């Protein structure tokens, strides 16, 4: 009887130990899933096939040489956030983005990245790179892709093509980046490309004729018909005219980055700059884990628009018009930490 009682007590202890172990394991499982729920990167890490994604590598770099670059990009993010915060504090306007606002955001599903392209900021080469990244082996060298092919909309998938839940998931989970340029240098580059090149007849017809009609006194019939000889002063007059943006939004080539990519609504993880284009681009490709076989194309174009060239174009612009133009692009200057050009004569 005593032996049976001892055996019963021993079995009782074993059952309690098993119960305690199971209960402890259950608590650990709950704690684990609570951590994953709080940290979106944790769930990605458990499910990705043996690798970290670009977003994880940016915020938690595994290689020390990334650290100083990560600090630089944090400063750029902070600059954008501070500008947006100041703007929101001084403005009563609030708007919610719709899918149509997202047509400039190119999606790379394979590497979980989103790129907002800005015309006249190396977007042709970045579209080429995105075609290599998303082409599943169809392309290997970005420079083998013709510029015209890079700009065919169907060759790249943009965020506006997804459902609302899919959009929200990608904005939360994918690495988002864009490239910016000194605003007036970009503007002069757009003018030179679209209004001084003979082959851009579509821009001459659509915008040039309208600009000549509105801003040139005693225009010839040829100029009114072709719109092929728009002066920079006339182009500036068109941009600052009060009816221009009431009639239709700016064309993407001279629209502000603020309006194209919506950095006050979308938190970009990386802000690359045209002035450090190759360095910033290859950093992104390192984060994506593709730098061993893909690098950003080197850019050594002798005809590129420079700061000195931009200053020359502004010589004939009145201080009043310079001030009005600066107001249009002020947020791009502030948000991306570009100083007011020394050649400007602001009122």
C-alpha atoms as a PDB file:
ATOM      1  CA  UNK A   1       0.000   0.000   0.000  1.00  0.00           C
ATOM      2  CA  UNK A   2       2.809   2.370   0.958  1.00  0.00           C
ATOM      3  CA  UNK A   3       4.661   1.476  -2.244  1.00  0.00           C
ATOM      4  CA  UNK A   4       1.564   2.209  -4.302  1.00  0.00           C
ATOM      5  CA  UNK A   5       1.127   5.583  -2.578  1.00  0.00           C
ATOM      6  CA  UNK A   6       4.749   6.541  -3.301  1.00  0.00           C
ATOM      7  CA  UNK A   7       4.305   5.504  -6.932  1.00  0.00           C
ATOM      8  CA  UNK A   8       1.137   7.627  -7.160  1.00  0.00           C
ATOM      9  CA  UNK A   9       2.961  10.660  -5.703  1.00  0.00           C
ATOM     10  CA  UNK A  10       5.834  10.179  -8.166  1.00  0.00           C
ATOM     11  CA  UNK A  11       3.412  10.042 -11.112  1.00  0.00           C
ATOM     12  CA  UNK A  12       1.709  13.156  -9.774  1.00  0.00           C
ATOM     13  CA  UNK A  13       5.032  15.049  -9.764  1.00  0.00           C
ATOM     14  CA  UNK A  14       5.791  13.904 -13.324  1.00  0.00           C
ATOM     15  CA  UNK A  15       2.370  15.106 -14.514  1.00  0.00           C
ATOM     16  CA  UNK A  16       2.908  18.506 -12.860  1.00  0.00           C
ATOM     17  CA  UNK A  17       6.353  18.810 -14.509  1.00  0.00           C
ATOM     18  CA  UNK A  18       4.923  17.920 -17.917  1.00  0.00           C
ATOM     19  CA  UNK A  19       2.082  20.414 -17.401  1.00  0.00           C
ATOM     20  CA  UNK A  20       4.522  23.152 -16.343  1.00  0.00           C
ATOM     21  CA  UNK A  21       6.732  22.467 -19.368  1.00  0.00           C
ATOM     22  CA  UNK A  22       3.784  22.641 -21.756  1.00  0.00           C
ATOM     23  CA  UNK A  23       2.497  25.799 -20.125  1.00  0.00           C
ATOM     24  CA  UNK A  24       5.943  27.409 -20.335  1.00  0.00           C
ATOM     25  CA  UNK A  25       6.251  26.499 -23.998  1.00  0.00           C
ATOM     26  CA  UNK A  26       2.808  27.915 -24.672  1.00  0.00           C
ATOM     27  CA  UNK A  27       3.753  31.213 -22.990  1.00  0.00           C
ATOM     28  CA  UNK A  28       6.967  31.384 -25.044  1.00  0.00           C
ATOM     29  CA  UNK A  29       5.022  30.845 -28.256  1.00  0.00           C
ATOM     30  CA  UNK A  30       2.611  33.649 -27.333  1.00  0.00           C
ATOM     31  CA  UNK A  31       5.539  35.949 -26.448  1.00  0.00           C
ATOM     32  CA  UNK A  32       7.256  35.114 -29.758  1.00  0.00           C
ATOM     33  CA  UNK A  33       4.199  35.995 -31.822  1.00  0.00           C
ATOM     34  CA  UNK A  34       3.702  39.196 -29.847  1.00  0.00           C
ATOM     35  CA  UNK A  35       7.253  40.239 -30.809  1.00  0.00           C
ATOM     36  CA  UNK A  36       6.613  39.417 -34.458  1.00  0.00           C
ATOM     37  CA  UNK A  37       3.379  41.386 -34.369  1.00  0.00           C
ATOM     38  CA  UNK A  38       5.162  44.444 -32.971  1.00  0.00           C
ATOM     39  CA  UNK A  39       8.173  44.169 -35.294  1.00  0.00           C
ATOM     40  CA  UNK A  40       7.282  43.677 -38.981  1.00  0.00           C
ATOM     41  CA  UNK A  41      10.898  42.853 -39.797  1.00  0.00           C
ATOM     42  CA  UNK A  42      10.814  39.831 -37.467  1.00  0.00           C
ATOM     43  CA  UNK A  43       8.045  38.103 -39.390  1.00  0.00           C
ATOM     44  CA  UNK A  44       9.845  38.736 -42.658  1.00  0.00           C
ATOM     45  CA  UNK A  45      13.034  37.273 -41.233  1.00  0.00           C
ATOM     46  CA  UNK A  46      11.326  34.050 -40.212  1.00  0.00           C
ATOM     47  CA  UNK A  47       9.720  33.516 -43.567  1.00  0.00           C
ATOM     48  CA  UNK A  48      12.241  34.690 -46.161  1.00  0.00           C
ATOM     49  CA  UNK A  49      14.236  31.923 -47.727  1.00  0.00           C
ATOM     50  CA  UNK A  50      17.562  32.167 -45.979  1.00  0.00           C
ATOM     51  CA  UNK A  51      18.219  35.895 -46.579  1.00  0.00           C
ATOM     52  CA  UNK A  52      17.418  39.354 -45.277  1.00  0.00           C
ATOM     53  CA  UNK A  53      15.604  41.821 -47.492  1.00  0.00           C
ATOM     54  CA  UNK A  54      16.883  45.274 -48.438  1.00  0.00           C
ATOM     55  CA  UNK A  55      14.766  47.015 -45.804  1.00  0.00           C
ATOM     56  CA  UNK A  56      16.235  44.895 -43.011  1.00  0.00           C
ATOM     57  CA  UNK A  57      19.759  45.412 -44.298  1.00  0.00           C
ATOM     58  CA  UNK A  58      19.263  49.174 -44.325  1.00  0.00           C
ATOM     59  CA  UNK A  59      18.013  49.532 -40.755  1.00  0.00           C
ATOM     60  CA  UNK A  60      20.080  46.697 -39.256  1.00  0.00           C
ATOM     61  CA  UNK A  61      23.249  46.505 -41.383  1.00  0.00           C
ATOM     62  CA  UNK A  62      25.298  43.334 -41.094  1.00  0.00           C
ATOM     63  CA  UNK A  63      28.400  44.962 -42.563  1.00  0.00           C
ATOM     64  CA  UNK A  64      30.171  47.787 -40.746  1.00  0.00           C
ATOM     65  CA  UNK A  65      30.958  49.735 -43.899  1.00  0.00           C
ATOM     66  CA  UNK A  66      27.229  50.298 -44.356  1.00  0.00           C
ATOM     67  CA  UNK A  67      26.893  52.061 -41.012  1.00  0.00           C
ATOM     68  CA  UNK A  68      28.227  55.525 -41.965  1.00  0.00           C
ATOM     69  CA  UNK A  69      26.155  55.503 -45.152  1.00  0.00           C
ATOM     70  CA  UNK A  70      23.096  54.527 -43.124  1.00  0.00           C
ATOM     71  CA  UNK A  71      23.682  57.565 -40.893  1.00  0.00           C
ATOM     72  CA  UNK A  72      23.803  59.841 -43.970  1.00  0.00           C
ATOM     73  CA  UNK A  73      20.502  58.491 -45.224  1.00  0.00           C
ATOM     74  CA  UNK A  74      18.962  58.858 -41.774  1.00  0.00           C
ATOM     75  CA  UNK A  75      19.883  62.554 -41.905  1.00  0.00           C
ATOM     76  CA  UNK A  76      18.204  62.850 -45.297  1.00  0.00           C
ATOM     77  CA  UNK A  77      15.079  61.119 -43.982  1.00  0.00           C
ATOM     78  CA  UNK A  78      15.027  63.456 -40.990  1.00  0.00           C
ATOM     79  CA  UNK A  79      15.269  66.487 -43.293  1.00  0.00           C
ATOM     80  CA  UNK A  80      12.216  65.298 -45.232  1.00  0.00           C
ATOM     81  CA  UNK A  81      10.289  64.541 -42.025  1.00  0.00           C
ATOM     82  CA  UNK A  82      11.106  67.911 -40.462  1.00  0.00           C
ATOM     83  CA  UNK A  83      10.002  69.790 -43.592  1.00  0.00           C
ATOM     84  CA  UNK A  84       6.769  67.807 -43.807  1.00  0.00           C
ATOM     85  CA  UNK A  85       6.070  68.399 -40.121  1.00  0.00           C
ATOM     86  CA  UNK A  86       6.582  72.148 -40.530  1.00  0.00           C
ATOM     87  CA  UNK A  87       4.355  72.185 -43.617  1.00  0.00           C
ATOM     88  CA  UNK A  88       1.573  70.215 -41.920  1.00  0.00           C
ATOM     89  CA  UNK A  89       1.683  72.545 -38.922  1.00  0.00           C
ATOM     90  CA  UNK A  90       1.214  75.612 -41.126  1.00  0.00           C
ATOM     91  CA  UNK A  91      -1.356  74.154 -43.514  1.00  0.00           C
ATOM     92  CA  UNK A  92      -4.983  73.231 -43.020  1.00  0.00           C
ATOM     93  CA  UNK A  93      -5.020  71.209 -46.207  1.00  0.00           C
ATOM     94  CA  UNK A  94      -5.161  67.431 -45.810  1.00  0.00           C
ATOM     95  CA  UNK A  95      -5.509  64.940 -48.591  1.00  0.00           C
ATOM     96  CA  UNK A  96      -5.480  61.169 -48.857  1.00  0.00           C
ATOM     97  CA  UNK A  97      -3.509  59.508 -51.632  1.00  0.00           C
ATOM     98  CA  UNK A  98      -5.420  57.557 -54.243  1.00  0.00           C
ATOM     99  CA  UNK A  99      -4.008  54.797 -56.483  1.00  0.00           C
ATOM    100  CA  UNK A 100      -3.694  57.327 -59.332  1.00  0.00           C
ATOM    101  CA  UNK A 101      -1.138  59.216 -57.204  1.00  0.00           C
ATOM    102  CA  UNK A 102       1.116  56.138 -57.241  1.00  0.00           C
ATOM    103  CA  UNK A 103       1.790  55.773 -60.960  1.00  0.00           C
ATOM    104  CA  UNK A 104       5.427  56.849 -60.550  1.00  0.00           C
ATOM    105  CA  UNK A 105       6.224  54.131 -57.999  1.00  0.00           C
ATOM    106  CA  UNK A 106       7.833  51.155 -59.750  1.00  0.00           C
ATOM    107  CA  UNK A 107       7.612  47.835 -57.882  1.00  0.00           C
ATOM    108  CA  UNK A 108      10.265  45.104 -57.781  1.00  0.00           C
ATOM    109  CA  UNK A 109       8.582  42.062 -56.206  1.00  0.00           C
ATOM    110  CA  UNK A 110      11.651  39.832 -56.308  1.00  0.00           C
ATOM    111  CA  UNK A 111      13.813  42.162 -54.195  1.00  0.00           C
ATOM    112  CA  UNK A 112      10.931  43.862 -52.335  1.00  0.00           C
ATOM    113  CA  UNK A 113      11.755  47.408 -53.426  1.00  0.00           C
ATOM    114  CA  UNK A 114       9.751  50.392 -54.666  1.00  0.00           C
ATOM    115  CA  UNK A 115      11.373  53.142 -56.746  1.00  0.00           C
ATOM    116  CA  UNK A 116       9.664  56.493 -57.378  1.00  0.00           C
ATOM    117  CA  UNK A 117      11.048  57.762 -60.656  1.00  0.00           C
ATOM    118  CA  UNK A 118      11.610  61.487 -61.199  1.00  0.00           C
ATOM    119  CA  UNK A 119      12.230  62.586 -64.800  1.00  0.00           C
ATOM    120  CA  UNK A 120      15.584  64.328 -65.386  1.00  0.00           C
ATOM    121  CA  UNK A 121      17.142  62.559 -62.388  1.00  0.00           C
ATOM    122  CA  UNK A 122      18.711  59.539 -64.128  1.00  0.00           C
ATOM    123  CA  UNK A 123      15.321  57.855 -64.350  1.00  0.00           C
ATOM    124  CA  UNK A 124      16.101  56.216 -67.712  1.00  0.00           C
ATOM    125  CA  UNK A 125      19.048  54.329 -66.242  1.00  0.00           C
ATOM    126  CA  UNK A 126      17.149  53.467 -63.080  1.00  0.00           C
ATOM    127  CA  UNK A 127      14.261  52.118 -65.148  1.00  0.00           C
ATOM    128  CA  UNK A 128      16.794  50.032 -67.053  1.00  0.00           C
ATOM    129  CA  UNK A 129      18.147  48.687 -63.759  1.00  0.00           C
ATOM    130  CA  UNK A 130      14.623  47.901 -62.550  1.00  0.00           C
ATOM    131  CA  UNK A 131      13.961  46.010 -65.791  1.00  0.00           C
ATOM    132  CA  UNK A 132      17.051  43.881 -65.095  1.00  0.00           C
ATOM    133  CA  UNK A 133      15.929  43.286 -61.502  1.00  0.00           C
ATOM    134  CA  UNK A 134      12.360  42.364 -62.464  1.00  0.00           C
ATOM    135  CA  UNK A 135      13.077  40.658 -65.794  1.00  0.00           C
ATOM    136  CA  UNK A 136      13.758  37.156 -64.404  1.00  0.00           C
ATOM    137  CA  UNK A 137      16.891  36.756 -66.497  1.00  0.00           C
ATOM    138  CA  UNK A 138      15.576  38.411 -69.651  1.00  0.00           C
ATOM    139  CA  UNK A 139      18.133  41.212 -69.261  1.00  0.00           C
ATOM    140  CA  UNK A 140      21.624  41.225 -67.735  1.00  0.00           C
ATOM    141  CA  UNK A 141      23.167  44.556 -68.773  1.00  0.00           C
ATOM    142  CA  UNK A 142      21.054  47.704 -68.277  1.00  0.00           C
ATOM    143  CA  UNK A 143      22.802  49.452 -71.154  1.00  0.00           C
ATOM    144  CA  UNK A 144      21.579  46.795 -73.582  1.00  0.00           C
ATOM    145  CA  UNK A 145      18.074  48.179 -73.060  1.00  0.00           C
ATOM    146  CA  UNK A 146      17.167  51.022 -75.426  1.00  0.00           C
ATOM    147  CA  UNK A 147      16.024  54.261 -73.728  1.00  0.00           C
ATOM    148  CA  UNK A 148      12.703  54.104 -75.589  1.00  0.00           C
ATOM    149  CA  UNK A 149      12.116  50.569 -74.286  1.00  0.00           C
ATOM    150  CA  UNK A 150      12.812  51.647 -70.711  1.00  0.00           C
ATOM    151  CA  UNK A 151       9.969  54.165 -70.936  1.00  0.00           C
ATOM    152  CA  UNK A 152       7.320  51.746 -72.198  1.00  0.00           C
ATOM    153  CA  UNK A 153       4.828  51.615 -69.295  1.00  0.00           C
ATOM    154  CA  UNK A 154       4.043  47.908 -69.682  1.00  0.00           C
ATOM    155  CA  UNK A 155       7.688  46.939 -69.100  1.00  0.00           C
ATOM    156  CA  UNK A 156       7.499  47.832 -65.414  1.00  0.00           C
ATOM    157  CA  UNK A 157       4.737  47.358 -62.857  1.00  0.00           C
ATOM    158  CA  UNK A 158       3.701  50.413 -60.838  1.00  0.00           C
ATOM    159  CA  UNK A 159       2.036  50.542 -57.442  1.00  0.00           C
ATOM    160  CA  UNK A 160      -1.251  51.962 -58.757  1.00  0.00           C
ATOM    161  CA  UNK A 161      -1.897  48.588 -60.452  1.00  0.00           C
ATOM    162  CA  UNK A 162      -2.396  46.834 -57.101  1.00  0.00           C
ATOM    163  CA  UNK A 163      -5.418  46.625 -54.799  1.00  0.00           C
ATOM    164  CA  UNK A 164      -5.600  48.893 -51.727  1.00  0.00           C
ATOM    165  CA  UNK A 165      -4.564  46.096 -49.292  1.00  0.00           C
ATOM    166  CA  UNK A 166      -1.698  45.105 -51.607  1.00  0.00           C
ATOM    167  CA  UNK A 167      -0.572  48.733 -51.839  1.00  0.00           C
ATOM    168  CA  UNK A 168      -0.600  49.132 -48.052  1.00  0.00           C
ATOM    169  CA  UNK A 169       1.357  45.907 -47.557  1.00  0.00           C
ATOM    170  CA  UNK A 170       4.068  46.942 -49.997  1.00  0.00           C
ATOM    171  CA  UNK A 171       4.367  50.471 -48.637  1.00  0.00           C
ATOM    172  CA  UNK A 172       4.861  48.970 -45.177  1.00  0.00           C
ATOM    173  CA  UNK A 173       7.163  46.063 -46.041  1.00  0.00           C
ATOM    174  CA  UNK A 174       9.249  47.059 -49.085  1.00  0.00           C
ATOM    175  CA  UNK A 175      12.278  49.359 -49.261  1.00  0.00           C
ATOM    176  CA  UNK A 176      11.155  52.634 -50.853  1.00  0.00           C
ATOM    177  CA  UNK A 177      13.586  55.009 -52.540  1.00  0.00           C
ATOM    178  CA  UNK A 178      13.759  57.967 -54.913  1.00  0.00           C
ATOM    179  CA  UNK A 179      16.424  60.188 -56.446  1.00  0.00           C
ATOM    180  CA  UNK A 180      16.381  63.985 -56.376  1.00  0.00           C
ATOM    181  CA  UNK A 181      18.323  66.806 -58.001  1.00  0.00           C
ATOM    182  CA  UNK A 182      18.888  70.517 -57.421  1.00  0.00           C
ATOM    183  CA  UNK A 183      15.443  71.799 -58.494  1.00  0.00           C
ATOM    184  CA  UNK A 184      16.470  74.569 -60.889  1.00  0.00           C
ATOM    185  CA  UNK A 185      19.209  72.454 -62.459  1.00  0.00           C
ATOM    186  CA  UNK A 186      16.575  69.793 -63.098  1.00  0.00           C
ATOM    187  CA  UNK A 187      14.220  72.449 -64.506  1.00  0.00           C
ATOM    188  CA  UNK A 188      16.811  73.784 -66.955  1.00  0.00           C
ATOM    189  CA  UNK A 189      17.658  70.205 -67.952  1.00  0.00           C
ATOM    190  CA  UNK A 190      13.985  69.602 -68.741  1.00  0.00           C
ATOM    191  CA  UNK A 191      13.762  72.829 -70.764  1.00  0.00           C
ATOM    192  CA  UNK A 192      16.883  72.008 -72.782  1.00  0.00           C
ATOM    193  CA  UNK A 193      15.727  68.471 -73.506  1.00  0.00           C
ATOM    194  CA  UNK A 194      12.104  69.210 -74.374  1.00  0.00           C
ATOM    195  CA  UNK A 195      12.289  72.615 -76.068  1.00  0.00           C
ATOM    196  CA  UNK A 196      15.728  72.939 -77.677  1.00  0.00           C
ATOM    197  CA  UNK A 197      15.975  69.491 -79.308  1.00  0.00           C
ATOM    198  CA  UNK A 198      14.446  69.320 -82.781  1.00  0.00           C
ATOM    199  CA  UNK A 199      13.275  65.714 -82.339  1.00  0.00           C
ATOM    200  CA  UNK A 200      10.891  66.549 -79.453  1.00  0.00           C
ATOM    201  CA  UNK A 201       8.098  67.661 -81.766  1.00  0.00           C
ATOM    202  CA  UNK A 202       5.386  66.229 -79.499  1.00  0.00           C
ATOM    203  CA  UNK A 203       6.423  68.622 -76.696  1.00  0.00           C
ATOM    204  CA  UNK A 204       6.713  71.498 -79.169  1.00  0.00           C
ATOM    205  CA  UNK A 205       3.163  70.870 -80.386  1.00  0.00           C
ATOM    206  CA  UNK A 206       1.565  70.206 -77.009  1.00  0.00           C
ATOM    207  CA  UNK A 207       3.313  72.802 -74.848  1.00  0.00           C
ATOM    208  CA  UNK A 208       5.441  74.992 -77.134  1.00  0.00           C
ATOM    209  CA  UNK A 209       2.538  76.321 -79.187  1.00  0.00           C
ATOM    210  CA  UNK A 210       0.582  77.143 -76.025  1.00  0.00           C
ATOM    211  CA  UNK A 211       3.589  78.931 -74.485  1.00  0.00           C
ATOM    212  CA  UNK A 212       4.263  80.992 -77.622  1.00  0.00           C
ATOM    213  CA  UNK A 213       0.605  81.935 -77.962  1.00  0.00           C
ATOM    214  CA  UNK A 214       0.367  83.109 -74.358  1.00  0.00           C
ATOM    215  CA  UNK A 215       3.784  84.655 -73.760  1.00  0.00           C
ATOM    216  CA  UNK A 216       5.123  86.012 -77.081  1.00  0.00           C
ATOM    217  CA  UNK A 217       3.944  89.253 -78.540  1.00  0.00           C
ATOM    218  CA  UNK A 218       3.733  89.427 -82.330  1.00  0.00           C
ATOM    219  CA  UNK A 219       4.550  85.725 -82.717  1.00  0.00           C
ATOM    220  CA  UNK A 220       4.963  84.519 -86.303  1.00  0.00           C
ATOM    221  CA  UNK A 221       2.537  82.028 -87.789  1.00  0.00           C
ATOM    222  CA  UNK A 222       5.384  79.509 -87.998  1.00  0.00           C
ATOM    223  CA  UNK A 223       6.124  79.853 -84.267  1.00  0.00           C
ATOM    224  CA  UNK A 224       2.435  79.577 -83.393  1.00  0.00           C
ATOM    225  CA  UNK A 225       2.148  76.452 -85.537  1.00  0.00           C
ATOM    226  CA  UNK A 226       5.337  74.597 -84.559  1.00  0.00           C
ATOM    227  CA  UNK A 227       6.165  75.872 -81.039  1.00  0.00           C
ATOM    228  CA  UNK A 228       9.728  74.756 -81.646  1.00  0.00           C
ATOM    229  CA  UNK A 229      11.660  77.836 -80.509  1.00  0.00           C
ATOM    230  CA  UNK A 230      10.406  78.492 -76.973  1.00  0.00           C
ATOM    231  CA  UNK A 231      12.721  80.788 -74.998  1.00  0.00           C
ATOM    232  CA  UNK A 232      13.582  79.969 -71.379  1.00  0.00           C
ATOM    233  CA  UNK A 233      12.017  83.257 -70.234  1.00  0.00           C
ATOM    234  CA  UNK A 234       8.771  82.214 -71.959  1.00  0.00           C
ATOM    235  CA  UNK A 235       8.932  78.790 -70.334  1.00  0.00           C
ATOM    236  CA  UNK A 236       9.315  80.410 -66.891  1.00  0.00           C
ATOM    237  CA  UNK A 237       6.401  82.737 -67.690  1.00  0.00           C
ATOM    238  CA  UNK A 238       4.279  79.690 -68.515  1.00  0.00           C
ATOM    239  CA  UNK A 239       5.199  77.938 -65.241  1.00  0.00           C
ATOM    240  CA  UNK A 240       4.369  80.890 -62.990  1.00  0.00           C
ATOM    241  CA  UNK A 241       1.214  81.960 -64.867  1.00  0.00           C
ATOM    242  CA  UNK A 242      -1.792  81.555 -62.522  1.00  0.00           C
ATOM    243  CA  UNK A 243      -3.915  79.672 -65.074  1.00  0.00           C
ATOM    244  CA  UNK A 244      -1.303  77.057 -66.022  1.00  0.00           C
ATOM    245  CA  UNK A 245      -1.882  74.619 -63.155  1.00  0.00           C
ATOM    246  CA  UNK A 246      -5.593  75.384 -63.113  1.00  0.00           C
ATOM    247  CA  UNK A 247      -5.843  74.071 -66.668  1.00  0.00           C
ATOM    248  CA  UNK A 248      -3.870  70.881 -65.987  1.00  0.00           C
ATOM    249  CA  UNK A 249      -1.122  69.587 -63.649  1.00  0.00           C
ATOM    250  CA  UNK A 250       2.490  70.260 -64.609  1.00  0.00           C
ATOM    251  CA  UNK A 251       4.048  67.740 -66.950  1.00  0.00           C
ATOM    252  CA  UNK A 252       6.131  65.171 -65.051  1.00  0.00           C
ATOM    253  CA  UNK A 253       9.380  66.576 -66.470  1.00  0.00           C
ATOM    254  CA  UNK A 254       8.947  69.852 -64.590  1.00  0.00           C
ATOM    255  CA  UNK A 255       6.540  68.776 -61.870  1.00  0.00           C
ATOM    256  CA  UNK A 256       7.959  69.024 -58.331  1.00  0.00           C
ATOM    257  CA  UNK A 257       9.328  65.905 -56.637  1.00  0.00           C
ATOM    258  CA  UNK A 258       6.947  66.728 -53.796  1.00  0.00           C
ATOM    259  CA  UNK A 259       3.975  66.263 -56.141  1.00  0.00           C
ATOM    260  CA  UNK A 260       5.343  63.269 -58.067  1.00  0.00           C
ATOM    261  CA  UNK A 261       6.440  61.075 -55.154  1.00  0.00           C
ATOM    262  CA  UNK A 262       4.418  62.426 -52.194  1.00  0.00           C
ATOM    263  CA  UNK A 263       7.212  62.229 -49.583  1.00  0.00           C
ATOM    264  CA  UNK A 264       4.954  63.703 -46.886  1.00  0.00           C
ATOM    265  CA  UNK A 265       2.534  60.790 -47.326  1.00  0.00           C
ATOM    266  CA  UNK A 266       5.004  58.019 -48.137  1.00  0.00           C
ATOM    267  CA  UNK A 267       7.977  57.486 -45.828  1.00  0.00           C
ATOM    268  CA  UNK A 268      10.905  56.866 -48.156  1.00  0.00           C
ATOM    269  CA  UNK A 269      13.711  54.794 -46.685  1.00  0.00           C
ATOM    270  CA  UNK A 270      16.370  56.186 -49.017  1.00  0.00           C
ATOM    271  CA  UNK A 271      16.714  59.554 -50.703  1.00  0.00           C
ATOM    272  CA  UNK A 272      19.411  59.315 -53.349  1.00  0.00           C
ATOM    273  CA  UNK A 273      20.897  62.429 -54.915  1.00  0.00           C
ATOM    274  CA  UNK A 274      21.929  63.135 -58.478  1.00  0.00           C
ATOM    275  CA  UNK A 275      25.124  64.703 -57.122  1.00  0.00           C
ATOM    276  CA  UNK A 276      26.108  61.323 -55.593  1.00  0.00           C
ATOM    277  CA  UNK A 277      24.213  59.205 -58.119  1.00  0.00           C
ATOM    278  CA  UNK A 278      26.595  56.294 -58.633  1.00  0.00           C
ATOM    279  CA  UNK A 279      27.488  55.954 -54.952  1.00  0.00           C
ATOM    280  CA  UNK A 280      23.869  56.073 -53.754  1.00  0.00           C
ATOM    281  CA  UNK A 281      22.649  53.760 -56.524  1.00  0.00           C
ATOM    282  CA  UNK A 282      25.212  51.070 -55.843  1.00  0.00           C
ATOM    283  CA  UNK A 283      24.457  51.288 -52.119  1.00  0.00           C
ATOM    284  CA  UNK A 284      20.848  50.372 -52.919  1.00  0.00           C
ATOM    285  CA  UNK A 285      22.002  47.496 -55.113  1.00  0.00           C
ATOM    286  CA  UNK A 286      24.203  46.266 -52.243  1.00  0.00           C
ATOM    287  CA  UNK A 287      21.240  46.348 -49.891  1.00  0.00           C
ATOM    288  CA  UNK A 288      19.277  44.318 -52.438  1.00  0.00           C
ATOM    289  CA  UNK A 289      22.094  41.749 -52.547  1.00  0.00           C
ATOM    290  CA  UNK A 290      22.722  42.071 -56.304  1.00  0.00           C
ATOM    291  CA  UNK A 291      25.908  44.175 -56.401  1.00  0.00           C
ATOM    292  CA  UNK A 292      28.033  41.178 -57.430  1.00  0.00           C
ATOM    293  CA  UNK A 293      26.337  40.991 -60.809  1.00  0.00           C
ATOM    294  CA  UNK A 294      24.651  44.364 -61.283  1.00  0.00           C
ATOM    295  CA  UNK A 295      26.033  47.884 -60.948  1.00  0.00           C
ATOM    296  CA  UNK A 296      24.515  51.194 -61.820  1.00  0.00           C
ATOM    297  CA  UNK A 297      25.663  52.431 -65.260  1.00  0.00           C
ATOM    298  CA  UNK A 298      28.424  55.029 -65.082  1.00  0.00           C
ATOM    299  CA  UNK A 299      27.322  58.456 -66.212  1.00  0.00           C
ATOM    300  CA  UNK A 300      29.796  60.665 -68.073  1.00  0.00           C
ATOM    301  CA  UNK A 301      27.598  62.763 -70.329  1.00  0.00           C
ATOM    302  CA  UNK A 302      29.368  65.916 -71.522  1.00  0.00           C
ATOM    303  CA  UNK A 303      26.062  67.642 -72.352  1.00  0.00           C
ATOM    304  CA  UNK A 304      24.535  67.319 -68.861  1.00  0.00           C
ATOM    305  CA  UNK A 305      23.128  70.471 -67.303  1.00  0.00           C
ATOM    306  CA  UNK A 306      25.448  71.938 -64.659  1.00  0.00           C
ATOM    307  CA  UNK A 307      25.020  74.567 -61.956  1.00  0.00           C
ATOM    308  CA  UNK A 308      27.060  77.053 -64.007  1.00  0.00           C
ATOM    309  CA  UNK A 309      24.864  76.460 -67.040  1.00  0.00           C
ATOM    310  CA  UNK A 310      21.732  76.910 -64.921  1.00  0.00           C
ATOM    311  CA  UNK A 311      23.020  80.267 -63.637  1.00  0.00           C
ATOM    312  CA  UNK A 312      23.421  81.471 -67.235  1.00  0.00           C
ATOM    313  CA  UNK A 313      19.805  80.601 -68.068  1.00  0.00           C
ATOM    314  CA  UNK A 314      18.587  82.627 -65.089  1.00  0.00           C
ATOM    315  CA  UNK A 315      20.491  85.783 -66.056  1.00  0.00           C
ATOM    316  CA  UNK A 316      17.612  87.084 -68.162  1.00  0.00           C
ATOM    317  CA  UNK A 317      14.873  86.211 -65.663  1.00  0.00           C
ATOM    318  CA  UNK A 318      13.589  89.181 -63.656  1.00  0.00           C
ATOM    319  CA  UNK A 319      13.873  89.080 -59.878  1.00  0.00           C
ATOM    320  CA  UNK A 320      10.078  89.121 -59.632  1.00  0.00           C
ATOM    321  CA  UNK A 321       9.756  86.033 -61.838  1.00  0.00           C
ATOM    322  CA  UNK A 322      12.666  84.347 -60.037  1.00  0.00           C
ATOM    323  CA  UNK A 323      10.843  84.848 -56.743  1.00  0.00           C
ATOM    324  CA  UNK A 324       7.594  83.425 -58.127  1.00  0.00           C
ATOM    325  CA  UNK A 325       9.416  80.432 -59.600  1.00  0.00           C
ATOM    326  CA  UNK A 326      11.275  79.770 -56.350  1.00  0.00           C
ATOM    327  CA  UNK A 327       7.945  79.691 -54.507  1.00  0.00           C
ATOM    328  CA  UNK A 328       6.779  76.902 -56.825  1.00  0.00           C
ATOM    329  CA  UNK A 329       9.830  74.729 -56.094  1.00  0.00           C
ATOM    330  CA  UNK A 330      10.523  75.876 -52.526  1.00  0.00           C
ATOM    331  CA  UNK A 331       9.479  72.591 -50.911  1.00  0.00           C
ATOM    332  CA  UNK A 332      11.888  70.623 -53.092  1.00  0.00           C
ATOM    333  CA  UNK A 333      14.708  72.955 -52.037  1.00  0.00           C
ATOM    334  CA  UNK A 334      13.835  72.649 -48.341  1.00  0.00           C
ATOM    335  CA  UNK A 335      12.883  68.995 -48.241  1.00  0.00           C
ATOM    336  CA  UNK A 336      16.011  67.721 -49.928  1.00  0.00           C
ATOM    337  CA  UNK A 337      18.392  70.231 -48.334  1.00  0.00           C
ATOM    338  CA  UNK A 338      19.357  72.274 -51.374  1.00  0.00           C
ATOM    339  CA  UNK A 339      20.496  75.807 -50.588  1.00  0.00           C
ATOM    340  CA  UNK A 340      19.004  78.803 -52.367  1.00  0.00           C
ATOM    341  CA  UNK A 341      21.187  79.387 -55.462  1.00  0.00           C
ATOM    342  CA  UNK A 342      23.575  82.308 -55.132  1.00  0.00           C
ATOM    343  CA  UNK A 343      22.700  83.559 -58.643  1.00  0.00           C
ATOM    344  CA  UNK A 344      19.077  84.243 -57.675  1.00  0.00           C
ATOM    345  CA  UNK A 345      17.905  87.804 -57.055  1.00  0.00           C
ATOM    346  CA  UNK A 346      14.878  87.180 -54.853  1.00  0.00           C
ATOM    347  CA  UNK A 347      12.551  89.972 -53.815  1.00  0.00           C
END
